[in-house]
PDB file of N, CA and C in Angstrom:
ATOM      1  N   MET A   1       9.785   5.496 -27.899  1.00  0.00           N
ATOM      2  CA  MET A   1       9.542   5.709 -26.017  1.00  0.00           C
ATOM      3  C   MET A   1       9.881   6.998 -26.371  1.00  0.00           C
ATOM      4  N   ASN A   2       9.610   7.209 -24.658  1.00  0.00           N
ATOM      5  CA  ASN A   2       9.482   8.382 -23.982  1.00  0.00           C
ATOM      6  C   ASN A   2      11.158   8.803 -24.012  1.00  0.00           C
ATOM      7  N   THR A   3      11.776   9.714 -23.849  1.00  0.00           N
ATOM      8  CA  THR A   3      13.361  10.018 -23.792  1.00  0.00           C
ATOM      9  C   THR A   3      13.634   9.718 -22.420  1.00  0.00           C
ATOM     10  N   PHE A   4      12.337   9.838 -21.815  1.00  0.00           N
ATOM     11  CA  PHE A   4      12.818   9.972 -20.214  1.00  0.00           C
ATOM     12  C   PHE A   4      13.012   8.941 -19.662  1.00  0.00           C
ATOM     13  N   LEU A   5      12.077   7.912 -20.079  1.00  0.00           N
ATOM     14  CA  LEU A   5      12.283   6.115 -19.934  1.00  0.00           C
ATOM     15  C   LEU A   5      13.605   5.416 -20.467  1.00  0.00           C
ATOM     16  N   LYS A   6      13.650   6.007 -22.207  1.00  0.00           N
ATOM     17  CA  LYS A   6      14.756   5.244 -22.598  1.00  0.00           C
ATOM     18  C   LYS A   6      15.902   5.465 -22.120  1.00  0.00           C
ATOM     19  N   ASN A   7      16.226   6.731 -21.140  1.00  0.00           N
ATOM     20  CA  ASN A   7      17.342   6.462 -20.145  1.00  0.00           C
ATOM     21  C   ASN A   7      17.487   6.463 -19.083  1.00  0.00           C
ATOM     22  N   ALA A   8      16.531   5.583 -18.653  1.00  0.00           N
ATOM     23  CA  ALA A   8      16.283   5.663 -17.273  1.00  0.00           C
ATOM     24  C   ALA A   8      17.223   4.394 -16.997  1.00  0.00           C
ATOM     25  N   ALA A   9      17.705   4.833 -15.494  1.00  0.00           N
ATOM     26  CA  ALA A   9      18.726   3.436 -15.075  1.00  0.00           C
ATOM     27  C   ALA A   9      17.895   2.548 -13.905  1.00  0.00           C
ATOM     28  N   LEU A  10      16.666   3.333 -13.864  1.00  0.00           N
ATOM     29  CA  LEU A  10      15.555   2.386 -12.784  1.00  0.00           C
ATOM     30  C   LEU A  10      14.331   2.844 -12.809  1.00  0.00           C
ATOM     31  N   LEU A  11      13.220   2.097 -12.745  1.00  0.00           N
ATOM     32  CA  LEU A  11      12.228   2.338 -12.959  1.00  0.00           C
ATOM     33  C   LEU A  11      11.721   2.105 -10.967  1.00  0.00           C
ATOM     34  N   ILE A  12      11.524   2.349 -10.470  1.00  0.00           N
ATOM     35  CA  ILE A  12      10.457   2.239  -9.228  1.00  0.00           C
ATOM     36  C   ILE A  12       8.972   2.877  -9.024  1.00  0.00           C
ATOM     37  N   GLY A  13       7.923   2.127  -8.730  1.00  0.00           N
ATOM     38  CA  GLY A  13       6.813   2.478  -8.980  1.00  0.00           C
ATOM     39  C   GLY A  13       5.764   1.631  -8.349  1.00  0.00           C
ATOM     40  N   ASN A  14       4.903   1.772  -8.401  1.00  0.00           N
ATOM     41  CA  ASN A  14       3.540   0.852  -7.826  1.00  0.00           C
ATOM     42  C   ASN A  14       3.416   0.045  -8.979  1.00  0.00           C
ATOM     43  N   ASP A  15       2.484  -1.292  -8.816  1.00  0.00           N
ATOM     44  CA  ASP A  15       2.036  -2.245  -9.648  1.00  0.00           C
ATOM     45  C   ASP A  15       0.949  -1.323 -10.696  1.00  0.00           C
ATOM     46  N   THR A  16       1.620  -0.858 -11.782  1.00  0.00           N
ATOM     47  CA  THR A  16       0.903   0.047 -12.824  1.00  0.00           C
ATOM     48  C   THR A  16       1.871  -0.217 -13.889  1.00  0.00           C
ATOM     49  N   GLY A  17       1.073   0.492 -15.205  1.00  0.00           N
ATOM     50  CA  GLY A  17       1.562   0.032 -16.469  1.00  0.00           C
ATOM     51  C   GLY A  17       2.951   0.459 -16.683  1.00  0.00           C
ATOM     52  N   PRO A  18       3.697   1.580 -16.406  1.00  0.00           N
ATOM     53  CA  PRO A  18       4.984   2.286 -16.822  1.00  0.00           C
ATOM     54  C   PRO A  18       6.217   0.941 -15.992  1.00  0.00           C
ATOM     55  N   ILE A  19       5.701   0.475 -14.946  1.00  0.00           N
ATOM     56  CA  ILE A  19       6.074  -0.726 -14.652  1.00  0.00           C
ATOM     57  C   ILE A  19       6.486  -1.703 -15.915  1.00  0.00           C
ATOM     58  N   TYR A  20       5.521  -2.112 -15.623  1.00  0.00           N
ATOM     59  CA  TYR A  20       5.390  -2.965 -17.330  1.00  0.00           C
ATOM     60  C   TYR A  20       5.794  -2.525 -18.984  1.00  0.00           C
ATOM     61  N   ILE A  21       5.575  -1.229 -19.170  1.00  0.00           N
ATOM     62  CA  ILE A  21       6.195  -0.606 -20.160  1.00  0.00           C
ATOM     63  C   ILE A  21       8.194  -0.449 -19.732  1.00  0.00           C
ATOM     64  N   ALA A  22       8.652  -0.144 -18.858  1.00  0.00           N
ATOM     65  CA  ALA A  22       9.809  -0.326 -18.788  1.00  0.00           C
ATOM     66  C   ALA A  22      10.452  -1.898 -18.468  1.00  0.00           C
ATOM     67  N   ARG A  23      10.158  -2.750 -18.178  1.00  0.00           N
ATOM     68  CA  ARG A  23      10.542  -4.193 -18.175  1.00  0.00           C
ATOM     69  C   ARG A  23      10.111  -4.536 -19.636  1.00  0.00           C
ATOM     70  N   TYR A  24       9.728  -4.201 -20.398  1.00  0.00           N
ATOM     71  CA  TYR A  24       9.439  -4.820 -21.837  1.00  0.00           C
ATOM     72  C   TYR A  24      10.469  -3.837 -22.483  1.00  0.00           C
ATOM     73  N   TYR A  25      11.153  -2.721 -22.108  1.00  0.00           N
ATOM     74  CA  TYR A  25      12.332  -2.169 -22.879  1.00  0.00           C
ATOM     75  C   TYR A  25      13.681  -2.605 -22.053  1.00  0.00           C
ATOM     76  N   GLY A  26      13.211  -3.263 -21.196  1.00  0.00           N
ATOM     77  CA  GLY A  26      15.042  -3.775 -20.189  1.00  0.00           C
ATOM     78  C   GLY A  26      15.394  -3.054 -18.953  1.00  0.00           C
ATOM     79  N   ILE A  27      14.370  -2.069 -18.870  1.00  0.00           N
ATOM     80  CA  ILE A  27      14.889  -1.290 -17.803  1.00  0.00           C
ATOM     81  C   ILE A  27      14.128  -1.726 -16.532  1.00  0.00           C
ATOM     82  N   PRO A  28      15.291  -1.904 -15.784  1.00  0.00           N
ATOM     83  CA  PRO A  28      15.370  -2.560 -14.347  1.00  0.00           C
ATOM     84  C   PRO A  28      14.253  -1.877 -13.409  1.00  0.00           C
ATOM     85  N   THR A  29      13.518  -2.356 -12.617  1.00  0.00           N
ATOM     86  CA  THR A  29      12.309  -2.139 -11.809  1.00  0.00           C
ATOM     87  C   THR A  29      11.990  -2.701 -10.343  1.00  0.00           C
ATOM     88  N   ILE A  30      11.673  -1.861 -10.026  1.00  0.00           N
ATOM     89  CA  ILE A  30      11.172  -2.441  -8.440  1.00  0.00           C
ATOM     90  C   ILE A  30       9.634  -1.636  -8.231  1.00  0.00           C
ATOM     91  N   ALA A  31       8.679  -3.028  -8.048  1.00  0.00           N
ATOM     92  CA  ALA A  31       7.477  -2.511  -8.115  1.00  0.00           C
ATOM     93  C   ALA A  31       6.780  -2.981  -6.983  1.00  0.00           C
ATOM     94  N   ILE A  32       5.887  -1.959  -6.336  1.00  0.00           N
ATOM     95  CA  ILE A  32       5.537  -2.031  -5.047  1.00  0.00           C
ATOM     96  C   ILE A  32       4.329  -2.400  -4.915  1.00  0.00           C
ATOM     97  N   PHE A  33       3.920  -3.798  -4.306  1.00  0.00           N
ATOM     98  CA  PHE A  33       2.374  -4.140  -4.303  1.00  0.00           C
ATOM     99  C   PHE A  33       1.829  -3.654  -2.683  1.00  0.00           C
ATOM    100  N   GLY A  34       0.584  -3.846  -3.053  1.00  0.00           N
ATOM    101  CA  GLY A  34      -0.126  -3.347  -1.179  1.00  0.00           C
ATOM    102  C   GLY A  34      -1.240  -4.574  -1.703  1.00  0.00           C
ATOM    103  N   PRO A  35      -2.638  -3.782  -1.897  1.00  0.00           N
ATOM    104  CA  PRO A  35      -3.765  -4.943  -1.740  1.00  0.00           C
ATOM    105  C   PRO A  35      -3.572  -6.113  -2.795  1.00  0.00           C
ATOM    106  N   THR A  36      -2.768  -5.745  -3.517  1.00  0.00           N
ATOM    107  CA  THR A  36      -2.801  -6.803  -4.741  1.00  0.00           C
ATOM    108  C   THR A  36      -1.894  -7.744  -4.757  1.00  0.00           C
ATOM    109  N   ASN A  37      -1.932  -8.963  -5.000  1.00  0.00           N
ATOM    110  CA  ASN A  37      -0.998 -10.240  -5.030  1.00  0.00           C
ATOM    111  C   ASN A  37       0.025  -9.792  -6.232  1.00  0.00           C
ATOM    112  N   PRO A  38       1.008 -10.490  -5.916  1.00  0.00           N
ATOM    113  CA  PRO A  38       1.752  -9.980  -6.929  1.00  0.00           C
ATOM    114  C   PRO A  38       2.300 -11.704  -7.889  1.00  0.00           C
ATOM    115  N   ASP A  39       1.631 -12.246  -7.213  1.00  0.00           N
ATOM    116  CA  ASP A  39       1.984 -13.957  -7.673  1.00  0.00           C
ATOM    117  C   ASP A  39       0.782 -13.713  -9.258  1.00  0.00           C
ATOM    118  N   TYR A  40       0.068 -12.626  -9.632  1.00  0.00           N
ATOM    119  CA  TYR A  40      -0.437 -12.627 -10.465  1.00  0.00           C
ATOM    120  C   TYR A  40      -0.284 -11.796 -12.131  1.00  0.00           C
ATOM    121  N   CYS A  41       0.725 -11.138 -11.327  1.00  0.00           N
ATOM    122  CA  CYS A  41       2.316 -10.536 -12.468  1.00  0.00           C
ATOM    123  C   CYS A  41       3.300 -10.623 -12.033  1.00  0.00           C
ATOM    124  N   ARG A  42       3.871 -11.644 -12.119  1.00  0.00           N
ATOM    125  CA  ARG A  42       5.220 -11.892 -11.524  1.00  0.00           C
ATOM    126  C   ARG A  42       5.740 -11.316 -12.446  1.00  0.00           C
ATOM    127  N   HIS A  43       7.108 -10.488 -11.607  1.00  0.00           N
ATOM    128  CA  HIS A  43       7.997 -10.121 -12.310  1.00  0.00           C
ATOM    129  C   HIS A  43       9.180 -10.945 -12.388  1.00  0.00           C
ATOM    130  N   ASN A  44       9.918 -11.686 -13.357  1.00  0.00           N
ATOM    131  CA  ASN A  44      10.877 -12.385 -13.433  1.00  0.00           C
ATOM    132  C   ASN A  44      12.508 -11.485 -13.878  1.00  0.00           C
ATOM    133  N   GLY A  45      13.378 -12.500 -12.784  1.00  0.00           N
ATOM    134  CA  GLY A  45      14.739 -11.649 -12.839  1.00  0.00           C
ATOM    135  C   GLY A  45      15.309 -11.089 -11.837  1.00  0.00           C
ATOM    136  N   ASP A  46      16.540 -10.479 -11.554  1.00  0.00           N
ATOM    137  CA  ASP A  46      16.853 -10.516 -10.259  1.00  0.00           C
ATOM    138  C   ASP A  46      17.183  -8.395 -10.451  1.00  0.00           C
ATOM    139  N   GLU A  47      16.504  -8.105 -12.362  1.00  0.00           N
ATOM    140  CA  GLU A  47      16.786  -6.876 -12.340  1.00  0.00           C
ATOM    141  C   GLU A  47      14.967  -5.989 -11.993  1.00  0.00           C
ATOM    142  N   HIS A  48      14.269  -7.113 -11.590  1.00  0.00           N
ATOM    143  CA  HIS A  48      12.970  -6.561 -11.812  1.00  0.00           C
ATOM    144  C   HIS A  48      12.630  -6.951 -10.406  1.00  0.00           C
ATOM    145  N   ILE A  49      12.304  -6.230  -9.037  1.00  0.00           N
ATOM    146  CA  ILE A  49      12.202  -6.673  -7.888  1.00  0.00           C
ATOM    147  C   ILE A  49      10.958  -6.486  -7.087  1.00  0.00           C
ATOM    148  N   MET A  50       9.916  -6.969  -6.316  1.00  0.00           N
ATOM    149  CA  MET A  50       8.920  -6.980  -5.907  1.00  0.00           C
ATOM    150  C   MET A  50       9.013  -6.253  -4.412  1.00  0.00           C
ATOM    151  N   ILE A  51       8.221  -5.443  -3.951  1.00  0.00           N
ATOM    152  CA  ILE A  51       8.306  -5.569  -2.501  1.00  0.00           C
ATOM    153  C   ILE A  51       6.948  -5.495  -1.845  1.00  0.00           C
ATOM    154  N   TYR A  52       6.643  -6.435  -1.362  1.00  0.00           N
ATOM    155  CA  TYR A  52       5.559  -6.772  -0.857  1.00  0.00           C
ATOM    156  C   TYR A  52       5.183  -7.395   0.485  1.00  0.00           C
ATOM    157  N   LYS A  53       4.299  -6.504   1.310  1.00  0.00           N
ATOM    158  CA  LYS A  53       4.466  -7.550   3.008  1.00  0.00           C
ATOM    159  C   LYS A  53       2.852  -8.164   3.161  1.00  0.00           C
ATOM    160  N   VAL A  54       3.735  -9.333   3.748  1.00  0.00           N
ATOM    161  CA  VAL A  54       2.308 -10.154   4.037  1.00  0.00           C
ATOM    162  C   VAL A  54       1.650 -10.086   5.221  1.00  0.00           C
ATOM    163  N   LEU A  55       0.628  -9.725   5.300  1.00  0.00           N
ATOM    164  CA  LEU A  55      -0.293  -9.503   6.537  1.00  0.00           C
ATOM    165  C   LEU A  55      -1.346 -10.376   6.520  1.00  0.00           C
ATOM    166  N   ASP A  56      -2.405 -10.048   7.765  1.00  0.00           N
ATOM    167  CA  ASP A  56      -3.755 -10.629   7.939  1.00  0.00           C
ATOM    168  C   ASP A  56      -4.397 -11.234   6.440  1.00  0.00           C
ATOM    169  N   CYS A  57      -4.602  -9.664   6.316  1.00  0.00           N
ATOM    170  CA  CYS A  57      -5.740  -9.424   5.069  1.00  0.00           C
ATOM    171  C   CYS A  57      -4.979  -9.681   4.159  1.00  0.00           C
ATOM    172  N   SER A  58      -3.687  -9.832   3.561  1.00  0.00           N
ATOM    173  CA  SER A  58      -3.257 -10.095   2.284  1.00  0.00           C
ATOM    174  C   SER A  58      -3.759 -10.853   1.613  1.00  0.00           C
ATOM    175  N   PRO A  59      -4.125 -10.750  -0.154  1.00  0.00           N
ATOM    176  CA  PRO A  59      -4.420 -12.042  -0.538  1.00  0.00           C
ATOM    177  C   PRO A  59      -3.521 -12.921  -1.251  1.00  0.00           C
ATOM    178  N   ILE A  60      -3.568 -14.164  -0.791  1.00  0.00           N
ATOM    179  CA  ILE A  60      -3.323 -15.647  -0.833  1.00  0.00           C
ATOM    180  C   ILE A  60      -3.472 -16.376  -1.965  1.00  0.00           C
ATOM    181  N   ASP A  61      -4.715 -16.293  -2.337  1.00  0.00           N
ATOM    182  CA  ASP A  61      -5.182 -17.427  -3.206  1.00  0.00           C
ATOM    183  C   ASP A  61      -6.308 -16.137  -4.027  1.00  0.00           C
ATOM    184  N   GLU A  62      -6.390 -15.231  -3.682  1.00  0.00           N
ATOM    185  CA  GLU A  62      -6.873 -13.918  -4.395  1.00  0.00           C
ATOM    186  C   GLU A  62      -6.247 -13.081  -5.263  1.00  0.00           C
ATOM    187  N   GLN A  63      -6.714 -12.271  -6.269  1.00  0.00           N
ATOM    188  CA  GLN A  63      -5.636 -11.493  -6.693  1.00  0.00           C
ATOM    189  C   GLN A  63      -5.903 -10.396  -5.841  1.00  0.00           C
ATOM    190  N   TYR A  64      -6.622 -10.006  -5.059  1.00  0.00           N
ATOM    191  CA  TYR A  64      -6.971  -8.395  -4.330  1.00  0.00           C
ATOM    192  C   TYR A  64      -7.217  -9.079  -3.334  1.00  0.00           C
ATOM    193  N   CYS A  65      -6.603  -8.278  -2.079  1.00  0.00           N
ATOM    194  CA  CYS A  65      -7.242  -8.183  -0.640  1.00  0.00           C
ATOM    195  C   CYS A  65      -8.528  -8.585   0.062  1.00  0.00           C
ATOM    196  N   LYS A  66      -9.109  -8.976   1.078  1.00  0.00           N
ATOM    197  CA  LYS A  66     -10.558  -8.917   1.092  1.00  0.00           C
ATOM    198  C   LYS A  66     -11.104  -7.079   1.220  1.00  0.00           C
ATOM    199  N   PHE A  67     -10.520  -6.476   1.072  1.00  0.00           N
ATOM    200  CA  PHE A  67     -10.860  -4.918   1.515  1.00  0.00           C
ATOM    201  C   PHE A  67     -11.374  -4.474   0.086  1.00  0.00           C
ATOM    202  N   ASP A  68     -12.028  -4.936  -0.963  1.00  0.00           N
ATOM    203  CA  ASP A  68     -12.031  -4.547  -2.023  1.00  0.00           C
ATOM    204  C   ASP A  68     -11.015  -3.865  -2.958  1.00  0.00           C
ATOM    205  N   ALA A  69      -9.509  -4.707  -3.024  1.00  0.00           N
ATOM    206  CA  ALA A  69      -8.513  -4.107  -2.922  1.00  0.00           C
ATOM    207  C   ALA A  69      -8.218  -2.818  -2.720  1.00  0.00           C
ATOM    208  N   GLY A  70      -8.414  -2.742  -1.749  1.00  0.00           N
ATOM    209  CA  GLY A  70      -7.821  -1.267  -0.438  1.00  0.00           C
ATOM    210  C   GLY A  70      -9.022  -0.704  -0.634  1.00  0.00           C
ATOM    211  N   ARG A  71      -9.394  -0.500  -1.110  1.00  0.00           N
ATOM    212  CA  ARG A  71     -10.368   0.889  -1.526  1.00  0.00           C
ATOM    213  C   ARG A  71     -11.450   0.967   0.111  1.00  0.00           C
ATOM    214  N   THR A  72     -11.558  -0.170   0.071  1.00  0.00           N
ATOM    215  CA  THR A  72     -12.418  -0.128   2.216  1.00  0.00           C
ATOM    216  C   THR A  72     -11.384  -0.408   3.152  1.00  0.00           C
ATOM    217  N   CYS A  73      -9.822  -0.075   3.012  1.00  0.00           N
ATOM    218  CA  CYS A  73      -9.188  -0.627   3.922  1.00  0.00           C
ATOM    219  C   CYS A  73      -9.503   0.782   5.169  1.00  0.00           C
ATOM    220  N   PRO A  74      -9.328  -0.484   6.620  1.00  0.00           N
ATOM    221  CA  PRO A  74      -9.553   0.622   7.248  1.00  0.00           C
ATOM    222  C   PRO A  74      -7.960   1.020   8.094  1.00  0.00           C
ATOM    223  N   HIS A  75      -6.869   0.390   7.281  1.00  0.00           N
ATOM    224  CA  HIS A  75      -5.517   0.528   8.092  1.00  0.00           C
ATOM    225  C   HIS A  75      -4.438   0.953   6.620  1.00  0.00           C
ATOM    226  N   ARG A  76      -4.570   0.165   5.522  1.00  0.00           N
ATOM    227  CA  ARG A  76      -3.478   0.025   4.785  1.00  0.00           C
ATOM    228  C   ARG A  76      -1.995  -0.187   4.934  1.00  0.00           C
ATOM    229  N   ASN A  77      -1.996  -0.841   5.707  1.00  0.00           N
ATOM    230  CA  ASN A  77      -1.056  -1.517   6.418  1.00  0.00           C
ATOM    231  C   ASN A  77       0.209  -2.318   5.462  1.00  0.00           C
ATOM    232  N   CYS A  78      -0.652  -2.695   4.477  1.00  0.00           N
ATOM    233  CA  CYS A  78       0.390  -3.377   3.471  1.00  0.00           C
ATOM    234  C   CYS A  78       1.358  -2.274   2.794  1.00  0.00           C
ATOM    235  N   LEU A  79       0.964  -1.358   2.230  1.00  0.00           N
ATOM    236  CA  LEU A  79       1.461   0.121   1.943  1.00  0.00           C
ATOM    237  C   LEU A  79       2.000   0.337   3.073  1.00  0.00           C
ATOM    238  N   GLN A  80       2.040   0.662   4.101  1.00  0.00           N
ATOM    239  CA  GLN A  80       2.293   1.756   5.324  1.00  0.00           C
ATOM    240  C   GLN A  80       3.767   1.199   5.946  1.00  0.00           C
ATOM    241  N   THR A  81       3.629   0.197   5.726  1.00  0.00           N
ATOM    242  CA  THR A  81       4.579  -0.822   6.100  1.00  0.00           C
ATOM    243  C   THR A  81       6.142  -1.204   5.548  1.00  0.00           C
ATOM    244  N   ILE A  82       6.019  -0.337   4.664  1.00  0.00           N
ATOM    245  CA  ILE A  82       7.163  -0.673   3.303  1.00  0.00           C
ATOM    246  C   ILE A  82       7.981   0.705   3.530  1.00  0.00           C
ATOM    247  N   THR A  83       9.242   0.664   3.913  1.00  0.00           N
ATOM    248  CA  THR A  83       9.984   1.920   4.176  1.00  0.00           C
ATOM    249  C   THR A  83      10.532   2.377   3.167  1.00  0.00           C
ATOM    250  N   VAL A  84      11.133   3.695   3.376  1.00  0.00           N
ATOM    251  CA  VAL A  84      12.060   4.611   2.341  1.00  0.00           C
ATOM    252  C   VAL A  84      13.143   3.468   2.409  1.00  0.00           C
ATOM    253  N   ASP A  85      13.711   3.323   3.280  1.00  0.00           N
ATOM    254  CA  ASP A  85      14.813   2.423   3.566  1.00  0.00           C
ATOM    255  C   ASP A  85      14.733   1.318   2.416  1.00  0.00           C
ATOM    256  N   GLU A  86      13.734   0.487   2.985  1.00  0.00           N
ATOM    257  CA  GLU A  86      13.789  -0.496   2.442  1.00  0.00           C
ATOM    258  C   GLU A  86      13.578  -0.498   0.693  1.00  0.00           C
ATOM    259  N   VAL A  87      13.082   0.334   0.271  1.00  0.00           N
ATOM    260  CA  VAL A  87      13.383   0.509  -1.616  1.00  0.00           C
ATOM    261  C   VAL A  87      14.589   1.339  -1.799  1.00  0.00           C
ATOM    262  N   GLU A  88      15.099   1.882  -0.758  1.00  0.00           N
ATOM    263  CA  GLU A  88      16.421   2.561  -1.204  1.00  0.00           C
ATOM    264  C   GLU A  88      17.561   1.222  -0.992  1.00  0.00           C
ATOM    265  N   GLN A  89      17.289   0.158  -0.531  1.00  0.00           N
ATOM    266  CA  GLN A  89      18.245  -0.697  -0.598  1.00  0.00           C
ATOM    267  C   GLN A  89      18.636  -1.361  -1.770  1.00  0.00           C
ATOM    268  N   LYS A  90      17.081  -1.705  -2.022  1.00  0.00           N
ATOM    269  CA  LYS A  90      16.397  -2.445  -2.966  1.00  0.00           C
ATOM    270  C   LYS A  90      17.506  -1.767  -4.175  1.00  0.00           C
ATOM    271  N   ALA A  91      17.078  -0.553  -4.463  1.00  0.00           N
ATOM    272  CA  ALA A  91      17.623   0.199  -5.964  1.00  0.00           C
ATOM    273  C   ALA A  91      19.185   0.188  -5.899  1.00  0.00           C
ATOM    274  N   MET A  92      19.650   0.527  -4.470  1.00  0.00           N
ATOM    275  CA  MET A  92      20.814   0.769  -4.688  1.00  0.00           C
ATOM    276  C   MET A  92      21.807  -0.762  -5.143  1.00  0.00           C
ATOM    277  N   SER A  93      20.831  -1.917  -4.529  1.00  0.00           N
ATOM    278  CA  SER A  93      21.499  -2.884  -5.082  1.00  0.00           C
ATOM    279  C   SER A  93      21.776  -3.141  -6.840  1.00  0.00           C
ATOM    280  N   ILE A  94      20.508  -2.832  -7.399  1.00  0.00           N
ATOM    281  CA  ILE A  94      20.516  -3.033  -8.767  1.00  0.00           C
ATOM    282  C   ILE A  94      21.470  -1.639  -9.681  1.00  0.00           C
ATOM    283  N   LEU A  95      21.385  -0.283  -8.701  1.00  0.00           N
ATOM    284  CA  LEU A  95      22.525   0.109  -9.717  1.00  0.00           C
ATOM    285  C   LEU A  95      23.961   0.116  -9.405  1.00  0.00           C
ATOM    286  N   GLU A  96      24.276  -0.996  -8.344  1.00  0.00           N
ATOM    287  CA  GLU A  96      25.634  -1.088  -8.459  1.00  0.00           C
ATOM    288  C   GLU A  96      25.946  -2.349  -9.198  1.00  0.00           C
ATOM    289  N   LYS A  97      25.217  -3.259  -9.290  1.00  0.00           N
ATOM    290  CA  LYS A  97      25.145  -4.246 -10.516  1.00  0.00           C
ATOM    291  C   LYS A  97      25.737  -3.845 -11.588  1.00  0.00           C
ATOM    292  N   GLN A  98      24.806  -2.462 -12.244  1.00  0.00           N
ATOM    293  CA  GLN A  98      25.260  -1.564 -13.145  1.00  0.00           C
ATOM    294  C   GLN A  98      26.560  -1.266 -13.511  1.00  0.00           C
ATOM    295  N   SER A  99      27.252  -0.684 -12.433  1.00  0.00           N
ATOM    296  CA  SER A  99      28.386   0.242 -12.468  1.00  0.00           C
ATOM    297  C   SER A  99      29.595  -0.942 -12.196  1.00  0.00           C
TER     298      SER A  99
END
């Protein structure tokens, strides 16, 4: 395993491979979802947090939003409404549990 990942206390990222690798090695994660439905790849446990905004265009019964998984989205509000403060609060809650 990569030394950087092995020594990580937390990994924050979008729904991609590094999140899954970190989870596999027991590293806490915060996964940010936009046009993808998090129910299709649910991360279980208090140490794996998903941040996701439900909007009019959010996928409910499908895996991806109606805008071709965000590729043709006119506004990208699903990602733009997620704030740095929101992610920071979630990260701090995980890191506080570790100390």
